[in-house]
Amino acid sequence: MPYPSESLNDYPRRILVAVTGLSPQIVTETLYALAVAPAQAPFVPTEIHLITTRSGAEKARLALLSDEPGWFHHLCRDYALPPIRFNAETIHVLEDADGQVLEDIRSPDDNRHAADGITEIIREFTADPDCALHVSIAGGRKTMGFFLGYALSLYGRPQDKLSHVLVSEPFESSIGFYYPTPASHVLELPGGRLADTASAQVTLAELPFVSLRHGLPEALLTGHASYNQTVEAARRALAPPELQLDLGSRRVRAAGQVFALPPAELALLSVFARRALRGEEALPAPPKELPDDEWRKRYLVELRWIDGLLGERDDTERALKKGMDGSYFSTHLSKLKKILKRELGPAAAPYLISDGGSRPRLYRLELSPSAVRYDAIEAARWP
């Protein structure tokens, strides 16, 4: 169901996601700035999800969700906010390689597992078209905020937002401040200084981000992948296109991905790849119902380079004895396009056979000669 990006409150699920360490007030400060005193239209979440460590989860539970002080419940009552799902189940504690909760993030391994955990949470939320995210990177260790922001850049959609909360002095460094109260509430600050929380100013700095989502293969959008795998896929999608064909193994490398192609589709791709390598002109398709002998010849040349066909090649040669017609061509061109899109997602575009976009249709692979090569793909690098 489509939703206008300007009307985020029309989304059935509106999720505030934050990372925290030992400063759980990031949650209430951000919620206040979004729902109570927004600079623009309010964003009232239906859920709050917190990503943290074991000690951070305990601090959040005691400070925000307890009966007393229960600052999250206080905020909701003070400003008559609608019900928001925020409980122990929506506090996500990061885990190590053995499935043990992380007490803190101190080592390279801890960082890697934190990145994977954060990325998977954001991937799962952004897979729901009925959901709009607001992601805060204000809390937790700097690496946690970075991973959360980068995960949103990898998976984020137009309705998703990224921000950092700003708190006025002298409340910014106060561990007892949670949000500006509607009535006077005097807070003692370090050094014995007193301040009224009703006078505090809390605002959000929205952080624009570049979405790389449309450069990711479908498999990474719908399944589990580590942070490093997802980043590498985005890098490959943004890199200049390169196509490597290994006819002997029936595999190709495109956009950094290695995958197999059926012989018929591989031979068709190879026809156009070889022409691109030689800088040759685009080709018309064979006539729809009239077998074309020239097309048969150029296609079978490529097919004969493919190892292990045995009887398959004989069957194809018999089927094309009188030539290749338009039906055979379009059927296998369509299958090739489907496989490339499945394997590469939006990154498939440079590797699809173009028809020129206007009549008469002239087909070519729009790669430069330097972007095409034929040689063996090392088995160790296959998926």
Protein backbone atom coordinates (compact mmCIF):
# COMPACT_ATOMS: atom_id res chain seq x y z
CA MET A 1 0.00 0.00 0.00
CA PRO A 2 1.56 3.36 -1.01
CA TYR A 3 1.71 6.21 1.48
CA PRO A 4 2.69 9.83 0.84
CA SER A 5 6.10 10.45 2.38
CA GLU A 6 4.83 13.80 3.76
CA SER A 7 2.18 12.04 5.89
CA LEU A 8 4.22 9.65 7.99
CA ASN A 9 1.47 9.29 10.58
CA ASP A 10 -0.64 7.55 7.94
CA TYR A 11 1.64 4.51 8.17
CA PRO A 12 0.09 1.80 10.38
CA ARG A 13 3.49 1.07 11.97
CA ARG A 14 5.62 4.01 13.03
CA ILE A 15 8.78 2.92 14.76
CA LEU A 16 11.31 4.92 16.72
CA VAL A 17 14.63 3.04 16.77
CA ALA A 18 17.50 4.17 18.99
CA VAL A 19 20.81 2.84 20.26
CA THR A 20 21.71 3.49 23.87
CA GLY A 21 24.47 2.74 26.30
CA LEU A 22 24.09 4.00 29.85
CA SER A 23 22.05 7.08 28.88
CA PRO A 24 18.49 5.84 28.33
CA GLN A 25 17.16 9.42 28.40
CA ILE A 26 17.94 9.51 24.67
CA VAL A 27 14.63 7.67 24.22
CA THR A 28 12.45 10.14 26.10
CA GLU A 29 14.28 13.18 24.73
CA THR A 30 13.81 11.96 21.16
CA LEU A 31 10.18 10.97 21.74
CA TYR A 32 9.49 14.42 23.18
CA ALA A 33 11.08 16.16 20.19
CA LEU A 34 9.17 13.97 17.72
CA ALA A 35 5.71 13.82 19.28
CA VAL A 36 5.37 16.75 21.70
CA ALA A 37 7.39 19.69 20.41
CA PRO A 38 8.39 18.91 16.83
CA ALA A 39 9.92 21.53 14.57
CA GLN A 40 7.65 20.28 11.77
CA ALA A 41 4.76 17.80 11.68
CA PRO A 42 4.69 15.47 14.70
CA PHE A 43 5.74 11.85 14.34
CA VAL A 44 3.95 9.79 16.97
CA PRO A 45 5.44 6.29 17.04
CA THR A 46 3.33 3.21 17.57
CA GLU A 47 6.44 1.30 18.73
CA ILE A 48 9.82 2.08 20.25
CA HIS A 49 12.72 -0.30 19.73
CA LEU A 50 15.95 0.06 21.63
CA ILE A 51 19.24 -1.57 20.58
CA THR A 52 21.75 -1.85 23.40
CA THR A 53 24.05 -4.00 25.52
CA ARG A 54 23.14 -6.02 28.61
CA SER A 55 23.95 -3.20 31.02
CA GLY A 56 22.23 -0.68 28.76
CA ALA A 57 19.08 -2.81 28.67
CA GLU A 58 19.01 -3.03 32.47
CA LYS A 59 19.50 0.73 32.81
CA ALA A 60 16.69 1.39 30.30
CA ARG A 61 14.33 -1.01 32.01
CA LEU A 62 14.87 0.56 35.44
CA ALA A 63 14.92 4.20 34.34
CA LEU A 64 12.23 4.16 31.66
CA LEU A 65 9.87 1.22 32.20
CA SER A 66 9.75 0.70 35.97
CA ASP A 67 6.88 1.89 38.15
CA GLU A 68 9.21 4.48 39.65
CA PRO A 69 10.86 6.53 38.24
CA GLY A 70 9.43 5.14 34.96
CA TRP A 71 10.30 8.22 32.90
CA PHE A 72 8.78 6.84 29.68
CA HIS A 73 5.41 6.35 31.41
CA HIS A 74 5.69 9.80 33.01
CA LEU A 75 6.25 11.41 29.62
CA CYS A 76 3.28 9.65 28.06
CA ARG A 77 1.00 10.72 30.91
CA ASP A 78 2.31 14.29 31.06
CA TYR A 79 1.59 14.88 27.38
CA ALA A 80 -1.37 12.51 26.89
CA LEU A 81 0.36 10.50 24.20
CA PRO A 82 -1.53 7.58 22.63
CA PRO A 83 -0.49 4.02 23.53
CA ILE A 84 3.05 3.23 22.37
CA ARG A 85 4.42 -0.30 22.46
CA PHE A 86 7.66 -0.14 24.44
CA ASN A 87 8.53 -2.95 26.81
CA ALA A 88 11.18 -5.56 27.54
CA GLU A 89 10.36 -7.32 24.26
CA THR A 90 11.27 -4.26 22.19
CA ILE A 91 14.66 -3.86 23.86
CA HIS A 92 17.11 -5.73 21.64
CA VAL A 93 20.31 -6.82 23.39
CA LEU A 94 23.24 -7.39 21.04
CA GLU A 95 24.90 -10.81 21.11
CA ASP A 96 28.35 -12.26 20.42
CA ALA A 97 29.26 -15.18 18.14
CA ASP A 98 28.12 -17.70 20.78
CA GLY A 99 24.73 -16.09 21.27
CA GLN A 100 25.75 -14.56 24.61
CA VAL A 101 24.59 -11.03 25.30
CA LEU A 102 27.24 -8.33 25.00
CA GLU A 103 28.09 -6.54 28.22
CA ASP A 104 29.86 -3.83 26.24
CA ILE A 105 31.43 -3.29 22.82
CA ARG A 106 35.19 -3.34 23.31
CA SER A 107 36.83 -5.67 20.76
CA PRO A 108 36.83 -5.92 16.95
CA ASP A 109 34.70 -9.07 17.27
CA ASP A 110 32.21 -7.18 19.44
CA ASN A 111 32.04 -4.43 16.84
CA ARG A 112 31.45 -6.91 14.02
CA HIS A 113 28.63 -8.71 15.83
CA ALA A 114 27.07 -5.42 16.88
CA ALA A 115 27.12 -4.29 13.24
CA ASP A 116 25.49 -7.54 12.11
CA GLY A 117 22.80 -7.35 14.78
CA ILE A 118 21.95 -3.71 14.05
CA THR A 119 21.88 -4.30 10.29
CA GLU A 120 19.53 -7.27 10.60
CA ILE A 121 17.08 -5.31 12.77
CA ILE A 122 16.94 -2.43 10.29
CA ARG A 123 16.64 -4.83 7.33
CA GLU A 124 13.69 -6.55 8.98
CA PHE A 125 11.86 -3.30 9.74
CA THR A 126 12.41 -1.84 6.27
CA ALA A 127 11.06 -5.04 4.68
CA ASP A 128 7.60 -4.00 5.94
CA PRO A 129 5.99 -1.55 3.47
CA ASP A 130 3.44 -0.51 6.13
CA CYS A 131 6.22 0.77 8.39
CA ALA A 132 7.94 4.16 8.66
CA LEU A 133 11.13 4.42 10.72
CA HIS A 134 12.62 7.26 12.66
CA VAL A 135 16.16 6.34 13.65
CA SER A 136 18.11 8.18 16.34
CA ILE A 137 21.89 7.82 16.49
CA ALA A 138 22.30 10.03 19.56
CA GLY A 139 23.02 7.30 22.14
CA GLY A 140 25.37 4.41 22.75
CA ARG A 141 28.96 4.12 21.71
CA LYS A 142 29.98 6.04 18.59
CA THR A 143 30.40 2.80 16.65
CA MET A 144 26.81 1.80 17.47
CA GLY A 145 25.49 5.11 16.17
CA PHE A 146 27.60 4.78 13.04
CA PHE A 147 26.38 1.23 12.34
CA LEU A 148 22.76 2.26 12.88
CA GLY A 149 23.05 5.24 10.56
CA TYR A 150 24.86 3.22 7.91
CA ALA A 151 22.33 0.39 8.14
CA LEU A 152 19.60 2.92 7.41
CA SER A 153 21.60 4.22 4.47
CA LEU A 154 21.83 0.66 3.13
CA TYR A 155 18.17 -0.25 3.62
CA GLY A 156 16.27 2.99 4.18
CA ARG A 157 13.30 4.12 2.09
CA PRO A 158 11.80 7.57 1.41
CA GLN A 159 9.59 7.40 4.52
CA ASP A 160 12.50 6.64 6.85
CA LYS A 161 14.28 9.42 8.75
CA LEU A 162 17.55 9.78 10.66
CA SER A 163 18.27 12.26 13.44
CA HIS A 164 20.36 13.31 16.42
CA VAL A 165 18.74 14.88 19.48
CA LEU A 166 20.01 18.22 20.84
CA VAL A 167 19.46 19.27 24.46
CA SER A 168 20.03 22.79 25.75
CA GLU A 169 22.47 23.64 28.50
CA PRO A 170 22.74 22.93 31.38
CA PHE A 171 20.61 19.80 30.92
CA GLU A 172 22.73 18.21 28.20
CA SER A 173 25.18 16.69 30.66
CA SER A 174 22.70 15.92 33.43
CA ILE A 175 22.06 12.23 34.13
CA GLY A 176 18.80 13.18 35.88
CA PHE A 177 17.20 14.99 32.93
CA TYR A 178 14.80 12.99 30.73
CA TYR A 179 12.55 15.53 29.00
CA PRO A 180 11.14 19.06 29.44
CA THR A 181 8.31 18.75 31.93
CA PRO A 182 4.99 20.60 31.44
CA ALA A 183 5.14 21.87 35.02
CA SER A 184 8.02 23.17 37.08
CA HIS A 185 10.41 20.47 38.24
CA VAL A 186 13.64 21.52 39.88
CA LEU A 187 16.66 19.35 39.15
CA GLU A 188 19.95 19.48 41.03
CA LEU A 189 22.92 19.47 38.67
CA PRO A 190 26.54 18.57 39.38
CA GLY A 191 28.16 21.21 41.61
CA GLY A 192 24.90 21.95 43.41
CA ARG A 193 23.42 24.12 40.66
CA LEU A 194 19.61 24.04 40.36
CA ALA A 195 17.64 24.19 37.11
CA ASP A 196 13.98 23.92 36.16
CA THR A 197 13.34 21.15 33.61
CA ALA A 198 10.28 23.03 32.35
CA SER A 199 12.65 25.53 30.75
CA ALA A 200 14.71 22.95 28.85
CA GLN A 201 14.84 22.97 25.06
CA VAL A 202 15.01 19.68 23.15
CA THR A 203 15.19 19.61 19.36
CA LEU A 204 16.10 17.17 16.62
CA ALA A 205 18.72 17.67 13.96
CA GLU A 206 17.53 15.65 10.98
CA LEU A 207 20.41 14.02 9.12
CA PRO A 208 19.87 13.48 5.39
CA PHE A 209 21.22 10.17 4.14
CA VAL A 210 21.83 8.61 0.74
CA SER A 211 19.76 5.46 0.27
CA LEU A 212 21.66 2.59 -1.34
CA ARG A 213 18.72 0.21 -1.11
CA HIS A 214 18.01 0.13 -4.83
CA GLY A 215 21.53 -1.04 -5.56
CA LEU A 216 21.22 -4.16 -3.41
CA PRO A 217 20.36 -7.62 -4.78
CA GLU A 218 16.92 -8.88 -3.82
CA ALA A 219 18.48 -11.69 -1.76
CA LEU A 220 20.00 -9.14 0.64
CA LEU A 221 16.71 -7.26 0.99
CA THR A 222 14.68 -10.33 1.87
CA GLY A 223 17.16 -12.59 3.66
CA HIS A 224 19.86 -12.50 6.29
CA ALA A 225 23.22 -10.98 5.43
CA SER A 226 26.02 -9.65 7.58
CA TYR A 227 26.93 -5.98 7.71
CA ASN A 228 30.11 -6.62 5.73
CA GLN A 229 28.25 -8.61 3.05
CA THR A 230 25.69 -5.86 2.63
CA VAL A 231 28.30 -3.11 2.43
CA GLU A 232 30.28 -5.11 -0.12
CA ALA A 233 27.16 -5.63 -2.22
CA ALA A 234 26.50 -1.88 -2.18
CA ARG A 235 30.09 -1.17 -3.20
CA ARG A 236 29.84 -3.61 -6.11
CA ALA A 237 26.58 -2.06 -7.27
CA LEU A 238 28.19 1.39 -7.34
CA ALA A 239 31.40 0.23 -9.04
CA PRO A 240 31.90 0.49 -12.82
CA PRO A 241 30.28 -2.51 -14.55
CA GLU A 242 32.52 -5.47 -15.39
CA LEU A 243 31.43 -8.74 -16.97
CA GLN A 244 33.56 -11.90 -16.84
CA LEU A 245 32.44 -15.04 -18.68
CA ASP A 246 33.78 -18.53 -18.00
CA LEU A 247 32.07 -20.67 -20.63
CA GLY A 248 33.86 -23.78 -19.42
CA SER A 249 32.24 -23.61 -15.99
CA ARG A 250 28.97 -22.03 -17.22
CA ARG A 251 29.48 -19.13 -14.81
CA VAL A 252 29.71 -15.39 -15.05
CA ARG A 253 30.82 -12.61 -12.76
CA ALA A 254 28.77 -9.42 -12.93
CA ALA A 255 28.62 -6.55 -10.42
CA GLY A 256 31.04 -8.63 -8.35
CA GLN A 257 28.59 -11.52 -8.04
CA VAL A 258 29.44 -15.01 -9.38
CA PHE A 259 26.56 -17.19 -10.53
CA ALA A 260 25.73 -19.94 -13.02
CA LEU A 261 23.69 -19.55 -16.18
CA PRO A 262 21.90 -22.28 -18.13
CA PRO A 263 23.71 -23.06 -21.41
CA ALA A 264 21.05 -21.52 -23.67
CA GLU A 265 21.04 -18.21 -21.79
CA LEU A 266 24.83 -18.20 -21.33
CA ALA A 267 25.35 -18.68 -25.08
CA LEU A 268 22.97 -15.83 -25.86
CA LEU A 269 24.72 -13.51 -23.40
CA SER A 270 28.05 -14.52 -24.88
CA VAL A 271 26.90 -13.54 -28.38
CA PHE A 272 26.38 -9.97 -27.20
CA ALA A 273 29.36 -9.93 -24.82
CA ARG A 274 31.73 -10.91 -27.61
CA ARG A 275 30.31 -8.21 -29.86
CA ALA A 276 30.75 -5.66 -27.06
CA LEU A 277 34.33 -6.85 -26.56
CA ARG A 278 35.01 -6.28 -30.27
CA GLY A 279 33.17 -2.97 -30.41
CA GLU A 280 30.69 -4.30 -33.00
CA GLU A 281 27.32 -2.78 -33.85
CA ALA A 282 23.92 -3.67 -32.43
CA LEU A 283 21.97 -6.51 -34.05
CA PRO A 284 18.34 -6.90 -35.08
CA ALA A 285 16.56 -9.91 -33.63
CA PRO A 286 15.85 -12.82 -35.95
CA PRO A 287 12.49 -12.52 -37.75
CA LYS A 288 9.53 -13.68 -35.71
CA GLU A 289 8.51 -16.69 -37.83
CA LEU A 290 11.37 -16.93 -40.31
CA PRO A 291 14.46 -18.93 -39.23
CA ASP A 292 17.66 -16.91 -39.58
CA ASP A 293 20.79 -18.86 -40.52
CA GLU A 294 23.24 -16.10 -39.52
CA TRP A 295 21.78 -15.99 -36.03
CA ARG A 296 21.97 -19.79 -35.83
CA LYS A 297 25.68 -19.71 -36.69
CA ARG A 298 26.71 -16.99 -34.23
CA TYR A 299 24.67 -18.62 -31.44
CA LEU A 300 26.03 -22.16 -32.00
CA VAL A 301 29.62 -20.87 -32.04
CA GLU A 302 29.13 -19.73 -28.44
CA LEU A 303 27.19 -22.83 -27.43
CA ARG A 304 30.03 -25.10 -28.61
CA TRP A 305 32.44 -23.37 -26.22
CA ILE A 306 30.33 -24.44 -23.24
CA ASP A 307 31.69 -27.64 -21.67
CA GLY A 308 29.71 -30.71 -20.70
CA LEU A 309 26.62 -30.22 -22.84
CA LEU A 310 26.77 -33.69 -24.41
CA GLY A 311 23.34 -34.43 -25.86
CA GLU A 312 21.96 -30.99 -24.98
CA ARG A 313 24.03 -29.34 -27.69
CA ASP A 314 22.98 -31.93 -30.28
CA ASP A 315 19.33 -31.33 -29.42
CA THR A 316 19.79 -27.56 -29.80
CA GLU A 317 21.59 -27.92 -33.11
CA ARG A 318 18.77 -30.11 -34.43
CA ALA A 319 16.16 -27.60 -33.19
CA LEU A 320 18.00 -24.77 -34.95
CA LYS A 321 18.87 -26.77 -38.09
CA LYS A 322 16.95 -24.36 -40.33
CA GLY A 323 17.96 -21.28 -38.33
CA MET A 324 16.96 -19.30 -35.21
CA ASP A 325 13.59 -17.56 -35.25
CA GLY A 326 12.29 -14.67 -33.18
CA SER A 327 10.36 -16.90 -30.81
CA TYR A 328 13.47 -18.83 -29.74
CA PHE A 329 15.41 -15.57 -29.39
CA SER A 330 12.80 -13.74 -27.29
CA THR A 331 12.14 -16.75 -25.04
CA HIS A 332 15.78 -17.10 -24.01
CA LEU A 333 16.35 -13.34 -23.87
CA SER A 334 13.46 -13.10 -21.40
CA LYS A 335 14.87 -15.96 -19.29
CA LEU A 336 18.31 -14.33 -19.28
CA LYS A 337 16.84 -11.02 -18.12
CA LYS A 338 14.92 -12.74 -15.33
CA ILE A 339 18.01 -14.56 -14.04
CA LEU A 340 20.18 -11.43 -14.11
CA LYS A 341 17.59 -9.42 -12.19
CA ARG A 342 17.17 -12.21 -9.64
CA GLU A 343 20.91 -12.49 -9.05
CA LEU A 344 21.87 -8.82 -9.20
CA GLY A 345 18.76 -6.84 -8.37
CA PRO A 346 18.92 -3.22 -9.57
CA ALA A 347 22.65 -3.70 -10.24
CA ALA A 348 21.64 -5.86 -13.22
CA ALA A 349 20.86 -2.85 -15.44
CA PRO A 350 24.26 -2.56 -17.23
CA TYR A 351 24.27 -6.30 -17.99
CA LEU A 352 20.83 -6.53 -19.60
CA ILE A 353 20.61 -6.78 -23.37
CA SER A 354 19.25 -3.42 -24.59
CA ASP A 355 16.88 -3.14 -27.55
CA GLY A 356 17.74 0.50 -28.13
CA GLY A 357 14.40 1.77 -26.83
CA SER A 358 12.91 2.60 -30.24
CA ARG A 359 12.05 0.97 -33.54
CA PRO A 360 13.63 -0.68 -35.35
CA ARG A 361 14.76 -2.72 -32.34
CA LEU A 362 18.52 -3.24 -32.37
CA TYR A 363 19.99 -5.38 -29.60
CA ARG A 364 23.34 -4.92 -27.87
CA LEU A 365 25.11 -5.22 -24.55
CA GLU A 366 25.95 -1.65 -23.63
CA LEU A 367 29.35 -2.32 -22.07
CA SER A 368 32.66 -0.91 -23.22
CA PRO A 369 35.22 -3.40 -24.61
CA SER A 370 37.38 -2.92 -21.51
CA ALA A 371 34.46 -4.04 -19.29
CA VAL A 372 34.21 -7.54 -20.86
CA ARG A 373 36.61 -10.44 -20.52
CA TYR A 374 36.66 -14.19 -21.04
CA ASP A 375 38.67 -16.32 -18.63
CA ALA A 376 38.34 -18.85 -15.83
CA ILE A 377 36.58 -17.89 -12.63
CA GLU A 378 38.45 -19.40 -9.71
CA ALA A 379 36.42 -22.06 -7.92
CA ALA A 380 37.47 -20.68 -4.53
CA ARG A 381 35.66 -17.45 -5.33
CA TRP A 382 32.36 -19.05 -6.26
CA PRO A 383 29.52 -18.62 -3.75
